[in-house]
Amino acid sequence: MKFRRPPPPCPRAVTYRWAPAATAAGRQIITLLDGRGRDIGHVDYQVCHPCGAAHVNTIAIAGPWQGMGLGREALHRAADPWPTYAWSTSRQSSEGRKFFAAMAEETGMDFMPGAGGCPHITAQPPGPGSRTGRALL
């Protein structure tokens, strides 16, 4: 008989750390840390204020921490300050499509696939210290 691995003791022990963009429409990252300061996930996104556009590059939560609403909370922290912006995402995996469909219903934001036509938001290669985890996109 195979036992399911128990979830971490308390999602409230998670800290959200924000790294602002270094350039206009540059990448911003919200990193999720467990109670011991270990990286357990992130949301990597870009916001272009002149165009009123934003794009989710990746969102990832480590396996044992999935299903606890951490990705949802991280995306809210990224998107809530800009509710009128046109949000987009690549929606590559079936899990990502389900996640963003649920988030679209919850927030009223569309999270459209593709870059949304903003010339300032372009795919940028991951920088130093890029995050790891199971991507939802």
N, C-alpha and C. Protein backbone atom coordinates (compact mmCIF):
# COMPACT_ATOMS: atom_id res chain seq x y z
N MET A 1 0.84 -1.18 0.00
CA MET A 1 0.00 0.00 0.00
C MET A 1 0.89 1.24 0.00
N LYS A 2 0.59 2.17 -0.88
CA LYS A 2 1.38 3.38 -1.01
C LYS A 2 0.68 4.51 -0.25
N PHE A 3 1.45 5.20 0.59
CA PHE A 3 0.91 6.30 1.36
C PHE A 3 1.24 7.62 0.68
N ARG A 4 0.29 8.52 0.69
CA ARG A 4 0.52 9.85 0.15
C ARG A 4 1.36 10.65 1.14
N ARG A 5 2.31 11.38 0.61
CA ARG A 5 3.16 12.22 1.46
C ARG A 5 2.31 13.34 2.06
N PRO A 6 2.39 13.53 3.38
CA PRO A 6 1.57 14.57 4.01
C PRO A 6 2.02 15.96 3.58
N PRO A 7 1.09 16.90 3.51
CA PRO A 7 1.46 18.28 3.14
C PRO A 7 2.27 18.93 4.25
N PRO A 8 2.98 20.02 3.91
CA PRO A 8 3.69 20.77 4.94
C PRO A 8 2.72 21.20 6.03
N PRO A 9 3.21 21.43 7.23
CA PRO A 9 2.34 21.67 8.37
C PRO A 9 1.44 22.89 8.29
N CYS A 10 1.92 23.99 7.71
CA CYS A 10 1.10 25.20 7.78
C CYS A 10 1.46 26.18 6.67
N PRO A 11 0.59 26.36 5.67
CA PRO A 11 0.88 27.33 4.62
C PRO A 11 1.06 28.76 5.13
N ARG A 12 0.53 29.07 6.31
CA ARG A 12 0.70 30.43 6.85
C ARG A 12 2.16 30.71 7.16
N ALA A 13 2.97 29.68 7.23
CA ALA A 13 4.39 29.86 7.51
C ALA A 13 5.16 30.33 6.28
N VAL A 14 4.46 30.53 5.17
CA VAL A 14 5.10 30.95 3.93
C VAL A 14 5.29 32.46 3.92
N THR A 15 6.48 32.88 3.45
CA THR A 15 6.80 34.30 3.28
C THR A 15 6.87 34.59 1.79
N TYR A 16 6.33 35.72 1.38
CA TYR A 16 6.36 36.15 -0.02
C TYR A 16 7.36 37.30 -0.13
N ARG A 17 8.39 37.12 -0.95
CA ARG A 17 9.42 38.15 -1.12
C ARG A 17 9.35 38.67 -2.55
N TRP A 18 9.26 39.99 -2.70
CA TRP A 18 9.11 40.61 -4.01
C TRP A 18 10.43 41.23 -4.46
N ALA A 19 10.83 40.92 -5.69
CA ALA A 19 12.01 41.55 -6.30
C ALA A 19 11.50 42.40 -7.46
N PRO A 20 11.59 43.74 -7.33
CA PRO A 20 11.07 44.63 -8.37
C PRO A 20 11.89 44.56 -9.65
N ALA A 21 11.29 45.05 -10.72
CA ALA A 21 11.98 45.09 -12.02
C ALA A 21 13.13 46.08 -11.98
N ALA A 22 14.20 45.72 -12.66
CA ALA A 22 15.37 46.61 -12.75
C ALA A 22 15.22 47.61 -13.89
N THR A 23 14.34 47.31 -14.84
CA THR A 23 14.10 48.18 -15.99
C THR A 23 12.60 48.31 -16.22
N ALA A 24 12.20 49.30 -17.02
CA ALA A 24 10.79 49.46 -17.36
C ALA A 24 10.30 48.20 -18.06
N ALA A 25 9.16 47.70 -17.65
CA ALA A 25 8.55 46.48 -18.18
C ALA A 25 9.45 45.26 -17.99
N GLY A 26 10.41 45.36 -17.06
CA GLY A 26 11.30 44.25 -16.78
C GLY A 26 10.65 43.20 -15.90
N ARG A 27 11.37 42.12 -15.71
CA ARG A 27 10.85 41.01 -14.93
C ARG A 27 10.80 41.34 -13.44
N GLN A 28 9.69 40.98 -12.82
CA GLN A 28 9.51 41.08 -11.38
C GLN A 28 9.28 39.65 -10.88
N ILE A 29 9.77 39.36 -9.71
CA ILE A 29 9.62 38.01 -9.19
C ILE A 29 9.14 38.05 -7.75
N ILE A 30 8.11 37.29 -7.48
CA ILE A 30 7.67 37.06 -6.12
C ILE A 30 8.11 35.64 -5.78
N THR A 31 8.98 35.53 -4.77
CA THR A 31 9.50 34.23 -4.34
C THR A 31 8.79 33.81 -3.07
N LEU A 32 8.40 32.56 -3.00
CA LEU A 32 7.77 32.00 -1.82
C LEU A 32 8.81 31.22 -1.03
N LEU A 33 8.89 31.52 0.26
CA LEU A 33 9.86 30.87 1.14
C LEU A 33 9.11 30.16 2.27
N ASP A 34 9.56 28.95 2.60
CA ASP A 34 8.94 28.25 3.72
C ASP A 34 9.46 28.82 5.04
N GLY A 35 9.01 28.26 6.14
CA GLY A 35 9.38 28.76 7.47
C GLY A 35 10.87 28.70 7.76
N ARG A 36 11.60 27.88 6.99
CA ARG A 36 13.06 27.79 7.17
C ARG A 36 13.82 28.63 6.15
N GLY A 37 13.09 29.43 5.36
CA GLY A 37 13.73 30.29 4.37
C GLY A 37 14.07 29.61 3.07
N ARG A 38 13.56 28.40 2.84
CA ARG A 38 13.84 27.67 1.59
C ARG A 38 12.87 28.11 0.50
N ASP A 39 13.38 28.23 -0.70
CA ASP A 39 12.60 28.61 -1.88
C ASP A 39 11.66 27.47 -2.24
N ILE A 40 10.35 27.74 -2.19
CA ILE A 40 9.37 26.71 -2.52
C ILE A 40 8.51 27.09 -3.73
N GLY A 41 8.78 28.25 -4.33
CA GLY A 41 8.03 28.62 -5.51
C GLY A 41 8.25 30.07 -5.90
N HIS A 42 7.64 30.44 -7.02
CA HIS A 42 7.75 31.82 -7.49
C HIS A 42 6.70 32.13 -8.54
N VAL A 43 6.48 33.41 -8.75
CA VAL A 43 5.77 33.90 -9.92
C VAL A 43 6.68 34.96 -10.55
N ASP A 44 6.93 34.81 -11.83
CA ASP A 44 7.81 35.70 -12.60
C ASP A 44 6.90 36.41 -13.61
N TYR A 45 6.86 37.74 -13.54
CA TYR A 45 5.92 38.49 -14.38
C TYR A 45 6.51 39.83 -14.79
N GLN A 46 5.86 40.46 -15.77
CA GLN A 46 6.27 41.78 -16.24
C GLN A 46 5.04 42.67 -16.34
N VAL A 47 5.24 43.97 -16.04
CA VAL A 47 4.16 44.95 -16.10
C VAL A 47 4.63 46.14 -16.92
N CYS A 48 3.83 46.54 -17.92
CA CYS A 48 4.14 47.72 -18.72
C CYS A 48 3.07 48.77 -18.44
N HIS A 49 3.45 49.82 -17.73
CA HIS A 49 2.49 50.85 -17.36
C HIS A 49 2.03 51.69 -18.55
N PRO A 50 2.91 52.11 -19.48
CA PRO A 50 2.43 52.90 -20.61
C PRO A 50 1.37 52.18 -21.46
N CYS A 51 1.52 50.86 -21.59
CA CYS A 51 0.58 50.08 -22.41
C CYS A 51 -0.57 49.49 -21.60
N GLY A 52 -0.47 49.53 -20.29
CA GLY A 52 -1.51 48.92 -19.47
C GLY A 52 -1.57 47.42 -19.68
N ALA A 53 -0.40 46.80 -19.82
CA ALA A 53 -0.33 45.36 -20.09
C ALA A 53 0.57 44.68 -19.07
N ALA A 54 0.33 43.40 -18.86
CA ALA A 54 1.16 42.60 -17.96
C ALA A 54 1.18 41.17 -18.47
N HIS A 55 2.27 40.47 -18.16
CA HIS A 55 2.45 39.10 -18.66
C HIS A 55 3.06 38.22 -17.58
N VAL A 56 2.47 37.05 -17.36
CA VAL A 56 3.03 36.06 -16.43
C VAL A 56 3.96 35.17 -17.24
N ASN A 57 5.26 35.23 -16.93
CA ASN A 57 6.24 34.39 -17.62
C ASN A 57 6.19 32.96 -17.09
N THR A 58 6.28 32.80 -15.78
CA THR A 58 6.19 31.48 -15.16
C THR A 58 5.58 31.60 -13.77
N ILE A 59 4.98 30.52 -13.35
CA ILE A 59 4.55 30.38 -11.97
C ILE A 59 4.84 28.93 -11.61
N ALA A 60 5.51 28.74 -10.48
CA ALA A 60 5.92 27.40 -10.08
C ALA A 60 5.82 27.27 -8.57
N ILE A 61 5.32 26.12 -8.13
CA ILE A 61 5.24 25.80 -6.71
C ILE A 61 5.80 24.39 -6.55
N ALA A 62 6.69 24.19 -5.57
CA ALA A 62 7.28 22.88 -5.33
C ALA A 62 6.18 21.86 -5.02
N GLY A 63 6.35 20.65 -5.52
CA GLY A 63 5.35 19.59 -5.41
C GLY A 63 4.65 19.45 -4.07
N PRO A 64 5.38 19.30 -2.96
CA PRO A 64 4.71 19.10 -1.68
C PRO A 64 3.84 20.28 -1.24
N TRP A 65 4.06 21.44 -1.81
CA TRP A 65 3.32 22.64 -1.44
C TRP A 65 2.16 22.94 -2.38
N GLN A 66 1.99 22.16 -3.42
CA GLN A 66 0.91 22.42 -4.38
C GLN A 66 -0.44 22.07 -3.77
N GLY A 67 -1.47 22.70 -4.29
CA GLY A 67 -2.83 22.43 -3.84
C GLY A 67 -3.22 23.14 -2.55
N MET A 68 -2.40 24.09 -2.12
CA MET A 68 -2.68 24.82 -0.87
C MET A 68 -3.04 26.28 -1.12
N GLY A 69 -3.17 26.66 -2.38
CA GLY A 69 -3.52 28.03 -2.69
C GLY A 69 -2.35 29.00 -2.74
N LEU A 70 -1.13 28.48 -2.70
CA LEU A 70 0.04 29.36 -2.69
C LEU A 70 0.25 30.04 -4.04
N GLY A 71 0.07 29.31 -5.14
CA GLY A 71 0.17 29.91 -6.46
C GLY A 71 -0.91 30.97 -6.66
N ARG A 72 -2.09 30.67 -6.18
CA ARG A 72 -3.21 31.61 -6.25
C ARG A 72 -2.87 32.89 -5.49
N GLU A 73 -2.36 32.75 -4.28
CA GLU A 73 -2.01 33.92 -3.47
C GLU A 73 -0.88 34.72 -4.11
N ALA A 74 0.12 34.02 -4.64
CA ALA A 74 1.24 34.71 -5.29
C ALA A 74 0.76 35.49 -6.51
N LEU A 75 -0.13 34.89 -7.30
CA LEU A 75 -0.64 35.59 -8.48
C LEU A 75 -1.50 36.79 -8.08
N HIS A 76 -2.28 36.65 -7.02
CA HIS A 76 -3.04 37.80 -6.52
C HIS A 76 -2.10 38.93 -6.12
N ARG A 77 -1.01 38.60 -5.46
CA ARG A 77 -0.05 39.63 -5.04
C ARG A 77 0.57 40.34 -6.24
N ALA A 78 0.75 39.61 -7.34
CA ALA A 78 1.30 40.21 -8.55
C ALA A 78 0.25 41.04 -9.29
N ALA A 79 -0.95 40.50 -9.42
CA ALA A 79 -1.95 41.11 -10.30
C ALA A 79 -2.87 42.12 -9.63
N ASP A 80 -3.15 41.98 -8.34
CA ASP A 80 -4.13 42.85 -7.68
C ASP A 80 -3.83 44.35 -7.80
N PRO A 81 -2.55 44.79 -7.79
CA PRO A 81 -2.31 46.23 -7.93
C PRO A 81 -2.67 46.77 -9.32
N TRP A 82 -2.84 45.90 -10.31
CA TRP A 82 -3.09 46.34 -11.68
C TRP A 82 -4.32 45.64 -12.27
N PRO A 83 -5.50 45.78 -11.65
CA PRO A 83 -6.67 45.03 -12.10
C PRO A 83 -7.21 45.43 -13.47
N THR A 84 -6.90 46.64 -13.91
CA THR A 84 -7.42 47.08 -15.21
C THR A 84 -6.47 46.79 -16.37
N TYR A 85 -5.29 46.26 -16.07
CA TYR A 85 -4.32 45.95 -17.12
C TYR A 85 -4.74 44.69 -17.88
N ALA A 86 -4.28 44.58 -19.11
CA ALA A 86 -4.53 43.38 -19.92
C ALA A 86 -3.46 42.35 -19.57
N TRP A 87 -3.83 41.32 -18.82
CA TRP A 87 -2.89 40.28 -18.38
C TRP A 87 -2.86 39.16 -19.40
N SER A 88 -1.66 38.65 -19.64
CA SER A 88 -1.50 37.51 -20.55
C SER A 88 -0.56 36.49 -19.94
N THR A 89 -0.58 35.31 -20.50
CA THR A 89 0.29 34.23 -20.07
C THR A 89 0.44 33.25 -21.23
N SER A 90 1.46 32.40 -21.15
CA SER A 90 1.68 31.45 -22.23
C SER A 90 0.74 30.24 -22.14
N ARG A 91 0.25 29.88 -20.97
CA ARG A 91 -0.67 28.74 -20.79
C ARG A 91 -0.19 27.49 -21.50
N GLN A 92 0.98 27.02 -21.21
CA GLN A 92 1.56 25.91 -21.95
C GLN A 92 1.05 24.54 -21.53
N SER A 93 0.84 24.29 -20.27
CA SER A 93 0.45 22.95 -19.83
C SER A 93 -1.05 22.89 -19.52
N SER A 94 -1.55 21.67 -19.42
CA SER A 94 -2.96 21.52 -19.08
C SER A 94 -3.23 22.04 -17.66
N GLU A 95 -2.27 21.82 -16.73
CA GLU A 95 -2.43 22.36 -15.38
C GLU A 95 -2.48 23.88 -15.40
N GLY A 96 -1.62 24.48 -16.23
CA GLY A 96 -1.61 25.93 -16.35
C GLY A 96 -2.91 26.47 -16.92
N ARG A 97 -3.44 25.79 -17.92
CA ARG A 97 -4.72 26.24 -18.50
C ARG A 97 -5.83 26.19 -17.46
N LYS A 98 -5.87 25.13 -16.67
CA LYS A 98 -6.89 25.01 -15.62
C LYS A 98 -6.69 26.09 -14.55
N PHE A 99 -5.44 26.28 -14.15
CA PHE A 99 -5.14 27.27 -13.12
C PHE A 99 -5.55 28.66 -13.58
N PHE A 100 -5.15 29.06 -14.79
CA PHE A 100 -5.46 30.41 -15.24
C PHE A 100 -6.94 30.59 -15.57
N ALA A 101 -7.62 29.53 -15.97
CA ALA A 101 -9.07 29.62 -16.17
C ALA A 101 -9.76 29.89 -14.83
N ALA A 102 -9.32 29.19 -13.78
CA ALA A 102 -9.89 29.41 -12.45
C ALA A 102 -9.57 30.82 -11.95
N MET A 103 -8.34 31.28 -12.19
CA MET A 103 -7.96 32.62 -11.76
C MET A 103 -8.71 33.69 -12.54
N ALA A 104 -8.96 33.45 -13.82
CA ALA A 104 -9.73 34.41 -14.62
C ALA A 104 -11.15 34.53 -14.07
N GLU A 105 -11.75 33.41 -13.72
CA GLU A 105 -13.09 33.43 -13.16
C GLU A 105 -13.12 34.15 -11.81
N GLU A 106 -12.10 33.90 -11.00
CA GLU A 106 -12.03 34.50 -9.67
C GLU A 106 -11.76 36.00 -9.70
N THR A 107 -10.87 36.44 -10.60
CA THR A 107 -10.43 37.83 -10.60
C THR A 107 -11.15 38.72 -11.61
N GLY A 108 -11.73 38.11 -12.63
CA GLY A 108 -12.32 38.90 -13.71
C GLY A 108 -11.29 39.35 -14.73
N MET A 109 -10.02 38.97 -14.54
CA MET A 109 -8.96 39.25 -15.50
C MET A 109 -8.88 38.08 -16.47
N ASP A 110 -8.58 38.36 -17.72
CA ASP A 110 -8.63 37.30 -18.73
C ASP A 110 -7.44 36.37 -18.77
N PHE A 111 -6.24 36.83 -18.45
CA PHE A 111 -5.02 36.03 -18.56
C PHE A 111 -4.97 35.35 -19.94
N MET A 112 -5.01 36.19 -20.97
CA MET A 112 -5.03 35.71 -22.35
C MET A 112 -3.70 35.07 -22.75
N PRO A 113 -3.76 34.03 -23.57
CA PRO A 113 -2.50 33.42 -24.04
C PRO A 113 -1.77 34.38 -24.98
N GLY A 114 -0.46 34.36 -24.93
CA GLY A 114 0.35 35.24 -25.78
C GLY A 114 0.76 36.49 -25.06
N ALA A 115 1.57 37.31 -25.71
CA ALA A 115 2.15 38.50 -25.07
C ALA A 115 1.22 39.70 -25.08
N GLY A 116 0.06 39.63 -25.69
CA GLY A 116 -0.90 40.71 -25.62
C GLY A 116 -0.58 41.93 -26.46
N GLY A 117 0.43 41.87 -27.30
CA GLY A 117 0.71 42.96 -28.21
C GLY A 117 1.50 44.12 -27.66
N CYS A 118 1.98 44.06 -26.45
CA CYS A 118 2.79 45.14 -25.90
C CYS A 118 4.21 45.01 -26.43
N PRO A 119 4.73 46.06 -27.09
CA PRO A 119 6.10 45.96 -27.62
C PRO A 119 7.19 46.02 -26.54
N HIS A 120 6.81 46.42 -25.33
CA HIS A 120 7.80 46.55 -24.26
C HIS A 120 8.03 45.27 -23.47
N ILE A 121 7.03 44.40 -23.50
CA ILE A 121 7.16 43.12 -22.80
C ILE A 121 7.60 42.08 -23.82
N THR A 122 8.82 41.64 -23.66
CA THR A 122 9.36 40.62 -24.56
C THR A 122 9.88 39.47 -23.72
N ALA A 123 9.96 38.32 -24.31
CA ALA A 123 10.49 37.17 -23.59
C ALA A 123 11.95 37.44 -23.26
N GLN A 124 12.27 37.44 -22.00
CA GLN A 124 13.63 37.66 -21.55
C GLN A 124 14.16 36.36 -20.97
N PRO A 125 15.41 36.05 -21.25
CA PRO A 125 15.95 34.81 -20.68
C PRO A 125 16.02 34.90 -19.17
N PRO A 126 15.88 33.76 -18.49
CA PRO A 126 15.98 33.80 -17.03
C PRO A 126 17.31 34.37 -16.60
N GLY A 127 17.26 35.22 -15.60
CA GLY A 127 18.48 35.84 -15.09
C GLY A 127 19.14 34.98 -14.04
N PRO A 128 20.18 35.52 -13.42
CA PRO A 128 20.86 34.77 -12.37
C PRO A 128 19.88 34.44 -11.25
N GLY A 129 20.05 33.27 -10.70
CA GLY A 129 19.20 32.86 -9.58
C GLY A 129 17.79 32.52 -10.00
N SER A 130 17.57 32.11 -11.28
CA SER A 130 16.22 31.76 -11.66
C SER A 130 15.70 30.65 -10.77
N ARG A 131 14.43 30.63 -10.61
CA ARG A 131 13.79 29.74 -9.65
C ARG A 131 13.54 28.36 -10.25
N THR A 132 13.35 27.40 -9.38
CA THR A 132 13.00 26.05 -9.81
C THR A 132 11.72 25.64 -9.11
N GLY A 133 11.11 24.61 -9.61
CA GLY A 133 9.87 24.10 -9.05
C GLY A 133 9.05 23.55 -10.19
N ARG A 134 7.90 23.06 -9.88
CA ARG A 134 7.05 22.51 -10.93
C ARG A 134 6.23 23.65 -11.51
N ALA A 135 6.45 23.96 -12.75
CA ALA A 135 5.76 25.07 -13.39
C ALA A 135 4.31 24.72 -13.64
N LEU A 136 3.45 25.69 -13.41
CA LEU A 136 2.04 25.52 -13.70
C LEU A 136 1.71 25.96 -15.12
N LEU A 137 2.64 26.61 -15.78
CA LEU A 137 2.40 27.09 -17.14
C LEU A 137 2.79 26.06 -18.16
